[in-house]
PDB file of N, CA and C in Angstrom:
ATOM      1  N   UNK A   1      -2.186 -10.845  77.995  1.00  0.00           N
ATOM      2  CA  UNK A   1      -1.443 -10.164  76.948  1.00  0.00           C
ATOM      3  C   UNK A   1      -0.882 -11.223  75.986  1.00  0.00           C
ATOM      4  N   UNK A   2      -1.010 -11.009  74.662  1.00  0.00           N
ATOM      5  CA  UNK A   2      -0.487 -11.976  73.689  1.00  0.00           C
ATOM      6  C   UNK A   2       1.036 -12.097  73.781  1.00  0.00           C
ATOM      7  N   UNK A   3       1.515 -13.280  73.496  1.00  0.00           N
ATOM      8  CA  UNK A   3       2.956 -13.542  73.510  1.00  0.00           C
ATOM      9  C   UNK A   3       3.403 -13.856  72.090  1.00  0.00           C
ATOM     10  N   UNK A   4       4.485 -13.234  71.671  1.00  0.00           N
ATOM     11  CA  UNK A   4       5.045 -13.476  70.342  1.00  0.00           C
ATOM     12  C   UNK A   4       6.076 -14.593  70.463  1.00  0.00           C
ATOM     13  N   UNK A   5       5.910 -15.631  69.648  1.00  0.00           N
ATOM     14  CA  UNK A   5       6.819 -16.774  69.725  1.00  0.00           C
ATOM     15  C   UNK A   5       8.133 -16.487  68.999  1.00  0.00           C
ATOM     16  N   UNK A   6       9.144 -17.286  69.296  1.00  0.00           N
ATOM     17  CA  UNK A   6      10.430 -17.170  68.594  1.00  0.00           C
ATOM     18  C   UNK A   6      10.247 -17.420  67.105  1.00  0.00           C
ATOM     19  N   UNK A   7       9.360 -18.343  66.762  1.00  0.00           N
ATOM     20  CA  UNK A   7       9.090 -18.648  65.360  1.00  0.00           C
ATOM     21  C   UNK A   7       8.501 -17.435  64.637  1.00  0.00           C
ATOM     22  N   UNK A   8       7.594 -16.733  65.296  1.00  0.00           N
ATOM     23  CA  UNK A   8       7.012 -15.529  64.696  1.00  0.00           C
ATOM     24  C   UNK A   8       8.065 -14.438  64.517  1.00  0.00           C
ATOM     25  N   UNK A   9       8.931 -14.278  65.504  1.00  0.00           N
ATOM     26  CA  UNK A   9      10.009 -13.281  65.400  1.00  0.00           C
ATOM     27  C   UNK A   9      10.949 -13.623  64.258  1.00  0.00           C
ATOM     28  N   UNK A  10      11.299 -14.900  64.127  1.00  0.00           N
ATOM     29  CA  UNK A  10      12.176 -15.341  63.041  1.00  0.00           C
ATOM     30  C   UNK A  10      11.516 -15.091  61.686  1.00  0.00           C
ATOM     31  N   UNK A  11      10.214 -15.342  61.594  1.00  0.00           N
ATOM     32  CA  UNK A  11       9.487 -15.077  60.355  1.00  0.00           C
ATOM     33  C   UNK A  11       9.516 -13.606  59.988  1.00  0.00           C
ATOM     34  N   UNK A  12       9.330 -12.737  60.974  1.00  0.00           N
ATOM     35  CA  UNK A  12       9.387 -11.287  60.731  1.00  0.00           C
ATOM     36  C   UNK A  12      10.759 -10.870  60.210  1.00  0.00           C
ATOM     37  N   UNK A  13      11.802 -11.426  60.809  1.00  0.00           N
ATOM     38  CA  UNK A  13      13.171 -11.111  60.374  1.00  0.00           C
ATOM     39  C   UNK A  13      13.381 -11.576  58.937  1.00  0.00           C
ATOM     40  N   UNK A  14      12.908 -12.775  58.609  1.00  0.00           N
ATOM     41  CA  UNK A  14      13.047 -13.300  57.250  1.00  0.00           C
ATOM     42  C   UNK A  14      12.345 -12.427  56.230  1.00  0.00           C
ATOM     43  N   UNK A  15      11.125 -12.006  56.529  1.00  0.00           N
ATOM     44  CA  UNK A  15      10.368 -11.156  55.608  1.00  0.00           C
ATOM     45  C   UNK A  15      11.084  -9.831  55.373  1.00  0.00           C
ATOM     46  N   UNK A  16      11.568  -9.219  56.426  1.00  0.00           N
ATOM     47  CA  UNK A  16      12.263  -7.929  56.291  1.00  0.00           C
ATOM     48  C   UNK A  16      13.576  -8.085  55.533  1.00  0.00           C
ATOM     49  N   UNK A  17      14.255  -9.214  55.729  1.00  0.00           N
ATOM     50  CA  UNK A  17      15.510  -9.471  55.013  1.00  0.00           C
ATOM     51  C   UNK A  17      15.255  -9.589  53.515  1.00  0.00           C
ATOM     52  N   UNK A  18      14.229 -10.350  53.131  1.00  0.00           N
ATOM     53  CA  UNK A  18      13.904 -10.504  51.709  1.00  0.00           C
ATOM     54  C   UNK A  18      13.477  -9.164  51.117  1.00  0.00           C
ATOM     55  N   UNK A  19      12.692  -8.389  51.848  1.00  0.00           N
ATOM     56  CA  UNK A  19      12.282  -7.066  51.364  1.00  0.00           C
ATOM     57  C   UNK A  19      13.498  -6.169  51.125  1.00  0.00           C
ATOM     58  N   UNK A  20      14.485  -6.232  52.007  1.00  0.00           N
ATOM     59  CA  UNK A  20      15.713  -5.440  51.826  1.00  0.00           C
ATOM     60  C   UNK A  20      16.499  -5.902  50.598  1.00  0.00           C
ATOM     61  N   UNK A  21      16.537  -7.208  50.365  1.00  0.00           N
ATOM     62  CA  UNK A  21      17.242  -7.732  49.186  1.00  0.00           C
ATOM     63  C   UNK A  21      16.571  -7.222  47.917  1.00  0.00           C
ATOM     64  N   UNK A  22      15.234  -7.278  47.849  1.00  0.00           N
ATOM     65  CA  UNK A  22      14.532  -6.749  46.678  1.00  0.00           C
ATOM     66  C   UNK A  22      14.797  -5.251  46.527  1.00  0.00           C
ATOM     67  N   UNK A  23      14.794  -4.519  47.620  1.00  0.00           N
ATOM     68  CA  UNK A  23      15.035  -3.071  47.583  1.00  0.00           C
ATOM     69  C   UNK A  23      16.428  -2.746  47.061  1.00  0.00           C
ATOM     70  N   UNK A  24      17.372  -3.637  47.313  1.00  0.00           N
ATOM     71  CA  UNK A  24      18.742  -3.443  46.818  1.00  0.00           C
ATOM     72  C   UNK A  24      18.755  -3.295  45.300  1.00  0.00           C
ATOM     73  N   UNK A  25      17.815  -3.955  44.625  1.00  0.00           N
ATOM     74  CA  UNK A  25      17.729  -3.889  43.167  1.00  0.00           C
ATOM     75  C   UNK A  25      16.713  -2.847  42.711  1.00  0.00           C
ATOM     76  N   UNK A  26      16.322  -1.956  43.623  1.00  0.00           N
ATOM     77  CA  UNK A  26      15.372  -0.865  43.358  1.00  0.00           C
ATOM     78  C   UNK A  26      13.978  -1.378  43.018  1.00  0.00           C
ATOM     79  N   UNK A  27      13.645  -2.572  43.474  1.00  0.00           N
ATOM     80  CA  UNK A  27      12.292  -3.077  43.322  1.00  0.00           C
ATOM     81  C   UNK A  27      11.492  -2.629  44.537  1.00  0.00           C
ATOM     82  N   UNK A  28      10.198  -2.390  44.350  1.00  0.00           N
ATOM     83  CA  UNK A  28       9.371  -2.107  45.520  1.00  0.00           C
ATOM     84  C   UNK A  28       9.124  -3.434  46.233  1.00  0.00           C
ATOM     85  N   UNK A  29       9.126  -3.412  47.530  1.00  0.00           N
ATOM     86  CA  UNK A  29       8.906  -4.631  48.313  1.00  0.00           C
ATOM     87  C   UNK A  29       8.085  -4.261  49.535  1.00  0.00           C
ATOM     88  N   UNK A  30       6.791  -4.486  49.442  1.00  0.00           N
ATOM     89  CA  UNK A  30       5.882  -4.105  50.519  1.00  0.00           C
ATOM     90  C   UNK A  30       5.435  -5.340  51.285  1.00  0.00           C
ATOM     91  N   UNK A  31       5.587  -5.288  52.601  1.00  0.00           N
ATOM     92  CA  UNK A  31       5.142  -6.396  53.438  1.00  0.00           C
ATOM     93  C   UNK A  31       3.619  -6.424  53.454  1.00  0.00           C
ATOM     94  N   UNK A  32       3.050  -7.614  53.305  1.00  0.00           N
ATOM     95  CA  UNK A  32       1.601  -7.799  53.315  1.00  0.00           C
ATOM     96  C   UNK A  32       1.175  -8.115  54.747  1.00  0.00           C
ATOM     97  N   UNK A  33       0.228  -7.381  55.265  1.00  0.00           N
ATOM     98  CA  UNK A  33      -0.198  -7.539  56.663  1.00  0.00           C
ATOM     99  C   UNK A  33      -1.020  -8.807  56.884  1.00  0.00           C
ATOM    100  N   UNK A  34      -2.012  -9.059  56.025  1.00  0.00           N
ATOM    101  CA  UNK A  34      -2.867 -10.232  56.233  1.00  0.00           C
ATOM    102  C   UNK A  34      -2.066 -11.503  55.977  1.00  0.00           C
ATOM    103  N   UNK A  35      -2.349 -12.534  56.747  1.00  0.00           N
ATOM    104  CA  UNK A  35      -1.545 -13.752  56.657  1.00  0.00           C
ATOM    105  C   UNK A  35      -2.317 -14.855  55.939  1.00  0.00           C
ATOM    106  N   UNK A  36      -2.285 -14.817  54.614  1.00  0.00           N
ATOM    107  CA  UNK A  36      -2.917 -15.845  53.799  1.00  0.00           C
ATOM    108  C   UNK A  36      -1.880 -16.557  52.949  1.00  0.00           C
ATOM    109  N   UNK A  37      -0.641 -16.633  53.440  1.00  0.00           N
ATOM    110  CA  UNK A  37       0.406 -17.355  52.729  1.00  0.00           C
ATOM    111  C   UNK A  37       1.311 -16.481  51.889  1.00  0.00           C
ATOM    112  N   UNK A  38       0.947 -15.238  51.663  1.00  0.00           N
ATOM    113  CA  UNK A  38       1.802 -14.334  50.898  1.00  0.00           C
ATOM    114  C   UNK A  38       2.335 -13.274  51.850  1.00  0.00           C
ATOM    115  N   UNK A  39       3.631 -13.010  51.751  1.00  0.00           N
ATOM    116  CA  UNK A  39       4.278 -12.105  52.703  1.00  0.00           C
ATOM    117  C   UNK A  39       4.732 -10.783  52.098  1.00  0.00           C
ATOM    118  N   UNK A  40       5.106 -10.806  50.812  1.00  0.00           N
ATOM    119  CA  UNK A  40       5.668  -9.603  50.188  1.00  0.00           C
ATOM    120  C   UNK A  40       5.025  -9.379  48.824  1.00  0.00           C
ATOM    121  N   UNK A  41       4.693  -8.141  48.552  1.00  0.00           N
ATOM    122  CA  UNK A  41       4.176  -7.700  47.266  1.00  0.00           C
ATOM    123  C   UNK A  41       5.299  -6.913  46.588  1.00  0.00           C
ATOM    124  N   UNK A  42       5.665  -7.295  45.371  1.00  0.00           N
ATOM    125  CA  UNK A  42       6.843  -6.707  44.734  1.00  0.00           C
ATOM    126  C   UNK A  42       6.548  -6.248  43.308  1.00  0.00           C
ATOM    127  N   UNK A  43       6.979  -5.050  42.988  1.00  0.00           N
ATOM    128  CA  UNK A  43       6.924  -4.524  41.628  1.00  0.00           C
ATOM    129  C   UNK A  43       8.352  -4.389  41.124  1.00  0.00           C
ATOM    130  N   UNK A  44       8.584  -4.856  39.904  1.00  0.00           N
ATOM    131  CA  UNK A  44       9.926  -4.867  39.328  1.00  0.00           C
ATOM    132  C   UNK A  44      10.206  -3.538  38.627  1.00  0.00           C
ATOM    133  N   UNK A  45      11.366  -2.978  38.917  1.00  0.00           N
ATOM    134  CA  UNK A  45      11.847  -1.771  38.252  1.00  0.00           C
ATOM    135  C   UNK A  45      13.096  -2.125  37.455  1.00  0.00           C
ATOM    136  N   UNK A  46      13.214  -1.588  36.249  1.00  0.00           N
ATOM    137  CA  UNK A  46      14.408  -1.778  35.425  1.00  0.00           C
ATOM    138  C   UNK A  46      14.916  -0.401  35.030  1.00  0.00           C
ATOM    139  N   UNK A  47      16.194  -0.155  35.262  1.00  0.00           N
ATOM    140  CA  UNK A  47      16.792   1.161  34.992  1.00  0.00           C
ATOM    141  C   UNK A  47      15.965   2.276  35.640  1.00  0.00           C
ATOM    142  N   UNK A  48      15.558   2.033  36.883  1.00  0.00           N
ATOM    143  CA  UNK A  48      14.787   2.985  37.684  1.00  0.00           C
ATOM    144  C   UNK A  48      13.400   3.291  37.127  1.00  0.00           C
ATOM    145  N   UNK A  49      12.926   2.491  36.167  1.00  0.00           N
ATOM    146  CA  UNK A  49      11.585   2.677  35.615  1.00  0.00           C
ATOM    147  C   UNK A  49      10.702   1.501  36.010  1.00  0.00           C
ATOM    148  N   UNK A  50       9.510   1.822  36.444  1.00  0.00           N
ATOM    149  CA  UNK A  50       8.571   0.776  36.834  1.00  0.00           C
ATOM    150  C   UNK A  50       8.141  -0.015  35.608  1.00  0.00           C
ATOM    151  N   UNK A  51       8.068  -1.322  35.764  1.00  0.00           N
ATOM    152  CA  UNK A  51       7.586  -2.195  34.693  1.00  0.00           C
ATOM    153  C   UNK A  51       6.190  -2.698  35.073  1.00  0.00           C
ATOM    154  N   UNK A  52       5.617  -3.513  34.204  1.00  0.00           N
ATOM    155  CA  UNK A  52       4.324  -4.122  34.505  1.00  0.00           C
ATOM    156  C   UNK A  52       4.489  -5.467  35.204  1.00  0.00           C
ATOM    157  N   UNK A  53       5.721  -5.824  35.548  1.00  0.00           N
ATOM    158  CA  UNK A  53       5.982  -7.091  36.231  1.00  0.00           C
ATOM    159  C   UNK A  53       5.740  -6.924  37.723  1.00  0.00           C
ATOM    160  N   UNK A  54       4.923  -7.809  38.251  1.00  0.00           N
ATOM    161  CA  UNK A  54       4.515  -7.736  39.650  1.00  0.00           C
ATOM    162  C   UNK A  54       4.360  -9.160  40.168  1.00  0.00           C
ATOM    163  N   UNK A  55       4.766  -9.395  41.394  1.00  0.00           N
ATOM    164  CA  UNK A  55       4.546 -10.715  41.980  1.00  0.00           C
ATOM    165  C   UNK A  55       4.408 -10.599  43.490  1.00  0.00           C
ATOM    166  N   UNK A  56       3.864 -11.656  44.067  1.00  0.00           N
ATOM    167  CA  UNK A  56       3.749 -11.776  45.518  1.00  0.00           C
ATOM    168  C   UNK A  56       4.490 -13.039  45.898  1.00  0.00           C
ATOM    169  N   UNK A  57       5.115 -13.035  47.054  1.00  0.00           N
ATOM    170  CA  UNK A  57       5.874 -14.220  47.446  1.00  0.00           C
ATOM    171  C   UNK A  57       5.677 -14.545  48.917  1.00  0.00           C
ATOM    172  N   UNK A  58       5.943 -15.795  49.220  1.00  0.00           N
ATOM    173  CA  UNK A  58       5.911 -16.265  50.596  1.00  0.00           C
ATOM    174  C   UNK A  58       7.343 -16.507  51.032  1.00  0.00           C
ATOM    175  N   UNK A  59       7.677 -16.080  52.238  1.00  0.00           N
ATOM    176  CA  UNK A  59       9.032 -16.215  52.768  1.00  0.00           C
ATOM    177  C   UNK A  59       9.027 -17.291  53.850  1.00  0.00           C
ATOM    178  N   UNK A  60      10.001 -18.177  53.796  1.00  0.00           N
ATOM    179  CA  UNK A  60      10.193 -19.192  54.835  1.00  0.00           C
ATOM    180  C   UNK A  60      11.526 -18.915  55.511  1.00  0.00           C
ATOM    181  N   UNK A  61      11.560 -18.983  56.833  1.00  0.00           N
ATOM    182  CA  UNK A  61      12.781 -18.686  57.592  1.00  0.00           C
ATOM    183  C   UNK A  61      13.138 -19.870  58.476  1.00  0.00           C
ATOM    184  N   UNK A  62      14.442 -20.050  58.709  1.00  0.00           N
ATOM    185  CA  UNK A  62      14.908 -21.114  59.590  1.00  0.00           C
ATOM    186  C   UNK A  62      16.177 -20.678  60.308  1.00  0.00           C
ATOM    187  N   UNK A  63      16.402 -21.251  61.476  1.00  0.00           N
ATOM    188  CA  UNK A  63      17.648 -21.033  62.205  1.00  0.00           C
ATOM    189  C   UNK A  63      18.654 -22.125  61.879  1.00  0.00           C
ATOM    190  N   UNK A  64      18.197 -23.155  61.189  1.00  0.00           N
ATOM    191  CA  UNK A  64      19.051 -24.310  60.926  1.00  0.00           C
ATOM    192  C   UNK A  64      20.181 -23.962  59.970  1.00  0.00           C
ATOM    193  N   UNK A  65      21.186 -24.806  59.983  1.00  0.00           N
ATOM    194  CA  UNK A  65      22.350 -24.661  59.119  1.00  0.00           C
ATOM    195  C   UNK A  65      21.918 -24.683  57.655  1.00  0.00           C
ATOM    196  N   UNK A  66      22.711 -24.081  56.799  1.00  0.00           N
ATOM    197  CA  UNK A  66      22.373 -23.976  55.378  1.00  0.00           C
ATOM    198  C   UNK A  66      22.222 -25.332  54.699  1.00  0.00           C
ATOM    199  N   UNK A  67      22.737 -26.405  55.280  1.00  0.00           N
ATOM    200  CA  UNK A  67      22.581 -27.720  54.645  1.00  0.00           C
ATOM    201  C   UNK A  67      21.115 -28.160  54.655  1.00  0.00           C
ATOM    202  N   UNK A  68      20.276 -27.502  55.447  1.00  0.00           N
ATOM    203  CA  UNK A  68      18.857 -27.816  55.487  1.00  0.00           C
ATOM    204  C   UNK A  68      18.059 -27.020  54.457  1.00  0.00           C
ATOM    205  N   UNK A  69      18.724 -26.129  53.766  1.00  0.00           N
ATOM    206  CA  UNK A  69      18.045 -25.290  52.784  1.00  0.00           C
ATOM    207  C   UNK A  69      18.180 -25.932  51.413  1.00  0.00           C
ATOM    208  N   UNK A  70      17.051 -26.112  50.752  1.00  0.00           N
ATOM    209  CA  UNK A  70      17.042 -26.749  49.445  1.00  0.00           C
ATOM    210  C   UNK A  70      17.304 -25.703  48.369  1.00  0.00           C
ATOM    211  N   UNK A  71      18.220 -26.001  47.479  1.00  0.00           N
ATOM    212  CA  UNK A  71      18.492 -25.090  46.363  1.00  0.00           C
ATOM    213  C   UNK A  71      17.416 -25.261  45.304  1.00  0.00           C
ATOM    214  N   UNK A  72      16.946 -24.149  44.803  1.00  0.00           N
ATOM    215  CA  UNK A  72      15.978 -24.175  43.721  1.00  0.00           C
ATOM    216  C   UNK A  72      16.704 -23.987  42.405  1.00  0.00           C
ATOM    217  N   UNK A  73      16.098 -24.432  41.334  1.00  0.00           N
ATOM    218  CA  UNK A  73      16.696 -24.215  40.022  1.00  0.00           C
ATOM    219  C   UNK A  73      16.714 -22.721  39.740  1.00  0.00           C
ATOM    220  N   UNK A  74      17.794 -22.270  39.166  1.00  0.00           N
ATOM    221  CA  UNK A  74      17.905 -20.850  38.850  1.00  0.00           C
ATOM    222  C   UNK A  74      16.996 -20.527  37.666  1.00  0.00           C
ATOM    223  N   UNK A  75      16.284 -19.466  37.793  1.00  0.00           N
ATOM    224  CA  UNK A  75      15.421 -19.001  36.720  1.00  0.00           C
ATOM    225  C   UNK A  75      15.970 -17.669  36.247  1.00  0.00           C
ATOM    226  N   UNK A  76      16.215 -17.570  34.968  1.00  0.00           N
ATOM    227  CA  UNK A  76      16.712 -16.318  34.395  1.00  0.00           C
ATOM    228  C   UNK A  76      15.570 -15.679  33.620  1.00  0.00           C
ATOM    229  N   UNK A  77      15.223 -14.475  34.000  1.00  0.00           N
ATOM    230  CA  UNK A  77      14.166 -13.752  33.312  1.00  0.00           C
ATOM    231  C   UNK A  77      14.795 -12.766  32.338  1.00  0.00           C
ATOM    232  N   UNK A  78      14.294 -12.755  31.133  1.00  0.00           N
ATOM    233  CA  UNK A  78      14.774 -11.808  30.129  1.00  0.00           C
ATOM    234  C   UNK A  78      13.636 -10.842  29.845  1.00  0.00           C
ATOM    235  N   UNK A  79      13.899  -9.580  30.070  1.00  0.00           N
ATOM    236  CA  UNK A  79      12.877  -8.572  29.846  1.00  0.00           C
ATOM    237  C   UNK A  79      13.092  -7.935  28.478  1.00  0.00           C
ATOM    238  N   UNK A  80      11.996  -7.673  27.773  1.00  0.00           N
ATOM    239  CA  UNK A  80      12.121  -7.050  26.437  1.00  0.00           C
ATOM    240  C   UNK A  80      12.685  -5.649  26.510  1.00  0.00           C
TER     241      UNK A  80
END
């Protein structure tokens, strides 16, 4: 019988957490089943209306303290 590692469980938790964060902003956030480096497929909604903005992202998870997490530059998107 296959065994699920702690790392795999942590990855699943990370993916679901990011999907919930996107959902908080009324964006669609669908988990991608195949594992080719992309974990979530997301469509952007503005004022409850679907836009043509779509992206896929890869989620990385860690148990380590936040000092091990690198801050990325903030990107501000302006929609027409």
